[in-house]
């Protein structure tokens, strides 16, 4: 039986994407007490909700999550 380590913690999530006008946009947030996957999914959800009118859907959305040090 395999046991996986608890990877919950605070993650700094950075997202880079393009607007329909071609402008490059970068946003950064800190997600508390979540896994890396949850932090990335939360940022994707935030970006698609907040920038739904201006985001360029044909360009890739780059999301990087890194654990903050305490």
PDB file of N, CA and C in Angstrom:
ATOM      1  N   UNK A   1       0.836  -1.167   0.000  1.00  0.00           N
ATOM      2  CA  UNK A   1       0.000   0.000   0.000  1.00  0.00           C
ATOM      3  C   UNK A   1       0.890   1.243   0.000  1.00  0.00           C
ATOM      4  N   UNK A   2       0.578   2.194  -0.872  1.00  0.00           N
ATOM      5  CA  UNK A   2       1.373   3.407  -0.982  1.00  0.00           C
ATOM      6  C   UNK A   2       0.758   4.531  -0.161  1.00  0.00           C
ATOM      7  N   UNK A   3       1.615   5.270   0.484  1.00  0.00           N
ATOM      8  CA  UNK A   3       1.161   6.447   1.220  1.00  0.00           C
ATOM      9  C   UNK A   3       1.791   7.678   0.594  1.00  0.00           C
ATOM     10  N   UNK A   4       0.954   8.643   0.340  1.00  0.00           N
ATOM     11  CA  UNK A   4       1.439   9.869  -0.273  1.00  0.00           C
ATOM     12  C   UNK A   4       1.551  10.942   0.783  1.00  0.00           C
ATOM     13  N   UNK A   5       2.587  11.771   0.671  1.00  0.00           N
ATOM     14  CA  UNK A   5       2.797  12.854   1.620  1.00  0.00           C
ATOM     15  C   UNK A   5       1.737  13.924   1.477  1.00  0.00           C
ATOM     16  N   UNK A   6       1.503  14.626   2.536  1.00  0.00           N
ATOM     17  CA  UNK A   6       0.539  15.711   2.524  1.00  0.00           C
ATOM     18  C   UNK A   6       1.195  16.909   1.853  1.00  0.00           C
ATOM     19  N   UNK A   7       0.735  17.255   0.659  1.00  0.00           N
ATOM     20  CA  UNK A   7       1.337  18.359  -0.078  1.00  0.00           C
ATOM     21  C   UNK A   7       0.534  19.650   0.061  1.00  0.00           C
ATOM     22  N   UNK A   8      -0.372  19.696   1.037  1.00  0.00           N
ATOM     23  CA  UNK A   8      -1.120  20.927   1.265  1.00  0.00           C
ATOM     24  C   UNK A   8      -0.204  21.976   1.864  1.00  0.00           C
ATOM     25  N   UNK A   9      -0.435  23.211   1.472  1.00  0.00           N
ATOM     26  CA  UNK A   9       0.370  24.313   1.977  1.00  0.00           C
ATOM     27  C   UNK A   9      -0.044  25.590   1.293  1.00  0.00           C
ATOM     28  N   UNK A  10       0.788  26.599   1.410  1.00  0.00           N
ATOM     29  CA  UNK A  10       0.540  27.879   0.759  1.00  0.00           C
ATOM     30  C   UNK A  10       1.327  27.922  -0.543  1.00  0.00           C
ATOM     31  N   UNK A  11       0.636  28.256  -1.626  1.00  0.00           N
ATOM     32  CA  UNK A  11       1.258  28.320  -2.944  1.00  0.00           C
ATOM     33  C   UNK A  11       1.104  29.704  -3.542  1.00  0.00           C
ATOM     34  N   UNK A  12       2.178  30.200  -4.130  1.00  0.00           N
ATOM     35  CA  UNK A  12       2.132  31.436  -4.898  1.00  0.00           C
ATOM     36  C   UNK A  12       1.901  31.026  -6.350  1.00  0.00           C
ATOM     37  N   UNK A  13       0.792  31.488  -6.911  1.00  0.00           N
ATOM     38  CA  UNK A  13       0.393  31.067  -8.250  1.00  0.00           C
ATOM     39  C   UNK A  13       0.500  32.259  -9.195  1.00  0.00           C
ATOM     40  N   UNK A  14       1.239  32.083 -10.274  1.00  0.00           N
ATOM     41  CA  UNK A  14       1.411  33.115 -11.288  1.00  0.00           C
ATOM     42  C   UNK A  14       0.778  32.644 -12.585  1.00  0.00           C
ATOM     43  N   UNK A  15       0.033  33.532 -13.219  1.00  0.00           N
ATOM     44  CA  UNK A  15      -0.655  33.206 -14.461  1.00  0.00           C
ATOM     45  C   UNK A  15      -0.299  34.234 -15.530  1.00  0.00           C
ATOM     46  N   UNK A  16       0.034  33.761 -16.718  1.00  0.00           N
ATOM     47  CA  UNK A  16       0.321  34.642 -17.853  1.00  0.00           C
ATOM     48  C   UNK A  16      -0.599  34.265 -18.999  1.00  0.00           C
ATOM     49  N   UNK A  17      -1.240  35.286 -19.592  1.00  0.00           N
ATOM     50  CA  UNK A  17      -2.145  35.054 -20.706  1.00  0.00           C
ATOM     51  C   UNK A  17      -2.213  36.312 -21.557  1.00  0.00           C
ATOM     52  N   UNK A  18      -2.917  36.242 -22.677  1.00  0.00           N
ATOM     53  CA  UNK A  18      -3.042  37.365 -23.599  1.00  0.00           C
ATOM     54  C   UNK A  18      -4.499  37.812 -23.693  1.00  0.00           C
ATOM     55  N   UNK A  19      -4.675  39.131 -23.842  1.00  0.00           N
ATOM     56  CA  UNK A  19      -6.017  39.672 -24.055  1.00  0.00           C
ATOM     57  C   UNK A  19      -6.325  39.619 -25.551  1.00  0.00           C
ATOM     58  N   UNK A  20      -7.576  39.895 -25.894  1.00  0.00           N
ATOM     59  CA  UNK A  20      -7.969  39.881 -27.303  1.00  0.00           C
ATOM     60  C   UNK A  20      -7.233  40.938 -28.115  1.00  0.00           C
ATOM     61  N   UNK A  21      -6.786  42.013 -27.459  1.00  0.00           N
ATOM     62  CA  UNK A  21      -6.041  43.063 -28.152  1.00  0.00           C
ATOM     63  C   UNK A  21      -4.567  42.705 -28.325  1.00  0.00           C
ATOM     64  N   UNK A  22      -4.140  41.551 -27.797  1.00  0.00           N
ATOM     65  CA  UNK A  22      -2.768  41.091 -27.950  1.00  0.00           C
ATOM     66  C   UNK A  22      -1.855  41.471 -26.796  1.00  0.00           C
ATOM     67  N   UNK A  23      -2.383  42.163 -25.807  1.00  0.00           N
ATOM     68  CA  UNK A  23      -1.593  42.578 -24.657  1.00  0.00           C
ATOM     69  C   UNK A  23      -1.329  41.392 -23.736  1.00  0.00           C
ATOM     70  N   UNK A  24      -0.086  41.281 -23.274  1.00  0.00           N
ATOM     71  CA  UNK A  24       0.274  40.215 -22.346  1.00  0.00           C
ATOM     72  C   UNK A  24      -0.101  40.651 -20.929  1.00  0.00           C
ATOM     73  N   UNK A  25      -0.777  39.768 -20.186  1.00  0.00           N
ATOM     74  CA  UNK A  25      -1.239  40.067 -18.835  1.00  0.00           C
ATOM     75  C   UNK A  25      -0.699  38.994 -17.898  1.00  0.00           C
ATOM     76  N   UNK A  26      -0.212  39.431 -16.734  1.00  0.00           N
ATOM     77  CA  UNK A  26       0.274  38.508 -15.703  1.00  0.00           C
ATOM     78  C   UNK A  26      -0.418  38.833 -14.389  1.00  0.00           C
ATOM     79  N   UNK A  27      -0.893  37.810 -13.710  1.00  0.00           N
ATOM     80  CA  UNK A  27      -1.545  37.966 -12.406  1.00  0.00           C
ATOM     81  C   UNK A  27      -0.888  37.014 -11.423  1.00  0.00           C
ATOM     82  N   UNK A  28      -0.805  37.441 -10.158  1.00  0.00           N
ATOM     83  CA  UNK A  28      -0.192  36.630  -9.116  1.00  0.00           C
ATOM     84  C   UNK A  28      -1.119  36.620  -7.909  1.00  0.00           C
ATOM     85  N   UNK A  29      -1.303  35.438  -7.316  1.00  0.00           N
ATOM     86  CA  UNK A  29      -2.125  35.268  -6.118  1.00  0.00           C
ATOM     87  C   UNK A  29      -1.448  34.262  -5.195  1.00  0.00           C
ATOM     88  N   UNK A  30      -1.844  34.285  -3.925  1.00  0.00           N
ATOM     89  CA  UNK A  30      -1.388  33.295  -2.965  1.00  0.00           C
ATOM     90  C   UNK A  30      -2.604  32.499  -2.518  1.00  0.00           C
ATOM     91  N   UNK A  31      -2.509  31.187  -2.608  1.00  0.00           N
ATOM     92  CA  UNK A  31      -3.579  30.284  -2.185  1.00  0.00           C
ATOM     93  C   UNK A  31      -3.115  29.578  -0.916  1.00  0.00           C
ATOM     94  N   UNK A  32      -3.961  29.581   0.111  1.00  0.00           N
ATOM     95  CA  UNK A  32      -3.591  29.047   1.413  1.00  0.00           C
ATOM     96  C   UNK A  32      -4.202  27.673   1.669  1.00  0.00           C
ATOM     97  N   UNK A  33      -3.387  26.783   2.233  1.00  0.00           N
ATOM     98  CA  UNK A  33      -3.791  25.453   2.691  1.00  0.00           C
ATOM     99  C   UNK A  33      -4.487  24.632   1.605  1.00  0.00           C
ATOM    100  N   UNK A  34      -3.873  24.559   0.445  1.00  0.00           N
ATOM    101  CA  UNK A  34      -4.395  23.770  -0.671  1.00  0.00           C
ATOM    102  C   UNK A  34      -3.251  22.960  -1.268  1.00  0.00           C
ATOM    103  N   UNK A  35      -3.602  22.002  -2.122  1.00  0.00           N
ATOM    104  CA  UNK A  35      -2.577  21.259  -2.853  1.00  0.00           C
ATOM    105  C   UNK A  35      -2.172  22.070  -4.081  1.00  0.00           C
ATOM    106  N   UNK A  36      -1.110  21.656  -4.715  1.00  0.00           N
ATOM    107  CA  UNK A  36      -0.622  22.362  -5.906  1.00  0.00           C
ATOM    108  C   UNK A  36      -1.665  22.315  -7.017  1.00  0.00           C
ATOM    109  N   UNK A  37      -2.297  21.173  -7.190  1.00  0.00           N
ATOM    110  CA  UNK A  37      -3.329  21.014  -8.215  1.00  0.00           C
ATOM    111  C   UNK A  37      -4.514  21.934  -7.938  1.00  0.00           C
ATOM    112  N   UNK A  38      -4.949  21.992  -6.684  1.00  0.00           N
ATOM    113  CA  UNK A  38      -6.066  22.864  -6.322  1.00  0.00           C
ATOM    114  C   UNK A  38      -5.717  24.334  -6.525  1.00  0.00           C
ATOM    115  N   UNK A  39      -4.471  24.709  -6.245  1.00  0.00           N
ATOM    116  CA  UNK A  39      -4.031  26.093  -6.445  1.00  0.00           C
ATOM    117  C   UNK A  39      -4.083  26.464  -7.927  1.00  0.00           C
ATOM    118  N   UNK A  40      -3.612  25.561  -8.791  1.00  0.00           N
ATOM    119  CA  UNK A  40      -3.635  25.826 -10.232  1.00  0.00           C
ATOM    120  C   UNK A  40      -5.066  25.884 -10.759  1.00  0.00           C
ATOM    121  N   UNK A  41      -5.920  24.954 -10.304  1.00  0.00           N
ATOM    122  CA  UNK A  41      -7.314  24.946 -10.749  1.00  0.00           C
ATOM    123  C   UNK A  41      -8.055  26.190 -10.256  1.00  0.00           C
ATOM    124  N   UNK A  42      -7.751  26.618  -9.043  1.00  0.00           N
ATOM    125  CA  UNK A  42      -8.367  27.827  -8.505  1.00  0.00           C
ATOM    126  C   UNK A  42      -7.984  29.059  -9.297  1.00  0.00           C
ATOM    127  N   UNK A  43      -6.715  29.135  -9.707  1.00  0.00           N
ATOM    128  CA  UNK A  43      -6.261  30.277 -10.516  1.00  0.00           C
ATOM    129  C   UNK A  43      -6.911  30.251 -11.885  1.00  0.00           C
ATOM    130  N   UNK A  44      -7.033  29.086 -12.494  1.00  0.00           N
ATOM    131  CA  UNK A  44      -7.676  28.975 -13.798  1.00  0.00           C
ATOM    132  C   UNK A  44      -9.134  29.434 -13.707  1.00  0.00           C
ATOM    133  N   UNK A  45      -9.808  29.015 -12.659  1.00  0.00           N
ATOM    134  CA  UNK A  45     -11.198  29.419 -12.446  1.00  0.00           C
ATOM    135  C   UNK A  45     -11.295  30.928 -12.242  1.00  0.00           C
ATOM    136  N   UNK A  46     -10.404  31.491 -11.447  1.00  0.00           N
ATOM    137  CA  UNK A  46     -10.389  32.937 -11.201  1.00  0.00           C
ATOM    138  C   UNK A  46     -10.161  33.726 -12.489  1.00  0.00           C
ATOM    139  N   UNK A  47      -9.199  33.294 -13.292  1.00  0.00           N
ATOM    140  CA  UNK A  47      -8.870  34.004 -14.535  1.00  0.00           C
ATOM    141  C   UNK A  47     -10.028  33.926 -15.523  1.00  0.00           C
ATOM    142  N   UNK A  48     -10.616  32.758 -15.690  1.00  0.00           N
ATOM    143  CA  UNK A  48     -11.705  32.625 -16.666  1.00  0.00           C
ATOM    144  C   UNK A  48     -12.950  33.392 -16.229  1.00  0.00           C
ATOM    145  N   UNK A  49     -13.197  33.494 -14.914  1.00  0.00           N
ATOM    146  CA  UNK A  49     -14.342  34.281 -14.435  1.00  0.00           C
ATOM    147  C   UNK A  49     -14.090  35.777 -14.548  1.00  0.00           C
ATOM    148  N   UNK A  50     -12.925  36.224 -14.095  1.00  0.00           N
ATOM    149  CA  UNK A  50     -12.621  37.645 -14.024  1.00  0.00           C
ATOM    150  C   UNK A  50     -12.381  38.260 -15.395  1.00  0.00           C
ATOM    151  N   UNK A  51     -11.694  37.549 -16.271  1.00  0.00           N
ATOM    152  CA  UNK A  51     -11.321  38.090 -17.567  1.00  0.00           C
ATOM    153  C   UNK A  51     -12.083  37.423 -18.707  1.00  0.00           C
ATOM    154  N   UNK A  52     -13.304  36.980 -18.464  1.00  0.00           N
ATOM    155  CA  UNK A  52     -14.068  36.245 -19.473  1.00  0.00           C
ATOM    156  C   UNK A  52     -14.342  37.077 -20.724  1.00  0.00           C
ATOM    157  N   UNK A  53     -14.446  38.382 -20.595  1.00  0.00           N
ATOM    158  CA  UNK A  53     -14.735  39.246 -21.743  1.00  0.00           C
ATOM    159  C   UNK A  53     -13.485  39.601 -22.544  1.00  0.00           C
ATOM    160  N   UNK A  54     -12.322  39.603 -21.909  1.00  0.00           N
ATOM    161  CA  UNK A  54     -11.120  40.110 -22.575  1.00  0.00           C
ATOM    162  C   UNK A  54     -10.068  39.058 -22.896  1.00  0.00           C
ATOM    163  N   UNK A  55     -10.187  37.838 -22.370  1.00  0.00           N
ATOM    164  CA  UNK A  55      -9.140  36.834 -22.559  1.00  0.00           C
ATOM    165  C   UNK A  55      -9.175  36.269 -23.986  1.00  0.00           C
ATOM    166  N   UNK A  56      -7.986  36.055 -24.547  1.00  0.00           N
ATOM    167  CA  UNK A  56      -7.862  35.457 -25.874  1.00  0.00           C
ATOM    168  C   UNK A  56      -7.865  33.937 -25.704  1.00  0.00           C
ATOM    169  N   UNK A  57      -8.931  33.298 -26.131  1.00  0.00           N
ATOM    170  CA  UNK A  57      -9.100  31.853 -25.925  1.00  0.00           C
ATOM    171  C   UNK A  57      -8.199  31.010 -26.818  1.00  0.00           C
ATOM    172  N   UNK A  58      -7.661  31.595 -27.895  1.00  0.00           N
ATOM    173  CA  UNK A  58      -6.804  30.827 -28.793  1.00  0.00           C
ATOM    174  C   UNK A  58      -5.360  30.782 -28.309  1.00  0.00           C
ATOM    175  N   UNK A  59      -4.976  31.704 -27.437  1.00  0.00           N
ATOM    176  CA  UNK A  59      -3.607  31.733 -26.909  1.00  0.00           C
ATOM    177  C   UNK A  59      -3.530  30.866 -25.649  1.00  0.00           C
ATOM    178  N   UNK A  60      -2.390  30.257 -25.390  1.00  0.00           N
ATOM    179  CA  UNK A  60      -2.269  29.411 -24.199  1.00  0.00           C
ATOM    180  C   UNK A  60      -2.262  30.237 -22.908  1.00  0.00           C
ATOM    181  N   UNK A  61      -2.745  29.626 -21.846  1.00  0.00           N
ATOM    182  CA  UNK A  61      -2.718  30.231 -20.522  1.00  0.00           C
ATOM    183  C   UNK A  61      -1.675  29.470 -19.718  1.00  0.00           C
ATOM    184  N   UNK A  62      -0.655  30.179 -19.228  1.00  0.00           N
ATOM    185  CA  UNK A  62       0.445  29.550 -18.505  1.00  0.00           C
ATOM    186  C   UNK A  62       0.255  29.796 -17.011  1.00  0.00           C
ATOM    187  N   UNK A  63       0.175  28.724 -16.235  1.00  0.00           N
ATOM    188  CA  UNK A  63      -0.023  28.825 -14.796  1.00  0.00           C
ATOM    189  C   UNK A  63       1.107  28.082 -14.087  1.00  0.00           C
ATOM    190  N   UNK A  64       1.794  28.793 -13.181  1.00  0.00           N
ATOM    191  CA  UNK A  64       2.909  28.220 -12.425  1.00  0.00           C
ATOM    192  C   UNK A  64       2.601  28.364 -10.940  1.00  0.00           C
ATOM    193  N   UNK A  65       2.649  27.273 -10.206  1.00  0.00           N
ATOM    194  CA  UNK A  65       2.428  27.287  -8.761  1.00  0.00           C
ATOM    195  C   UNK A  65       3.706  26.861  -8.066  1.00  0.00           C
ATOM    196  N   UNK A  66       4.157  27.676  -7.123  1.00  0.00           N
ATOM    197  CA  UNK A  66       5.343  27.328  -6.356  1.00  0.00           C
ATOM    198  C   UNK A  66       5.054  27.501  -4.874  1.00  0.00           C
ATOM    199  N   UNK A  67       5.537  26.584  -4.078  1.00  0.00           N
ATOM    200  CA  UNK A  67       5.275  26.580  -2.649  1.00  0.00           C
ATOM    201  C   UNK A  67       6.009  27.747  -1.992  1.00  0.00           C
ATOM    202  N   UNK A  68       5.294  28.483  -1.139  1.00  0.00           N
ATOM    203  CA  UNK A  68       5.938  29.598  -0.440  1.00  0.00           C
ATOM    204  C   UNK A  68       6.723  29.046   0.737  1.00  0.00           C
ATOM    205  N   UNK A  69       7.783  29.720   1.073  1.00  0.00           N
ATOM    206  CA  UNK A  69       8.623  29.259   2.189  1.00  0.00           C
ATOM    207  C   UNK A  69       8.205  29.979   3.460  1.00  0.00           C
ATOM    208  N   UNK A  70       8.216  29.246   4.551  1.00  0.00           N
ATOM    209  CA  UNK A  70       7.867  29.825   5.860  1.00  0.00           C
ATOM    210  C   UNK A  70       8.949  29.530   6.842  1.00  0.00           C
TER     211      UNK A  70
END
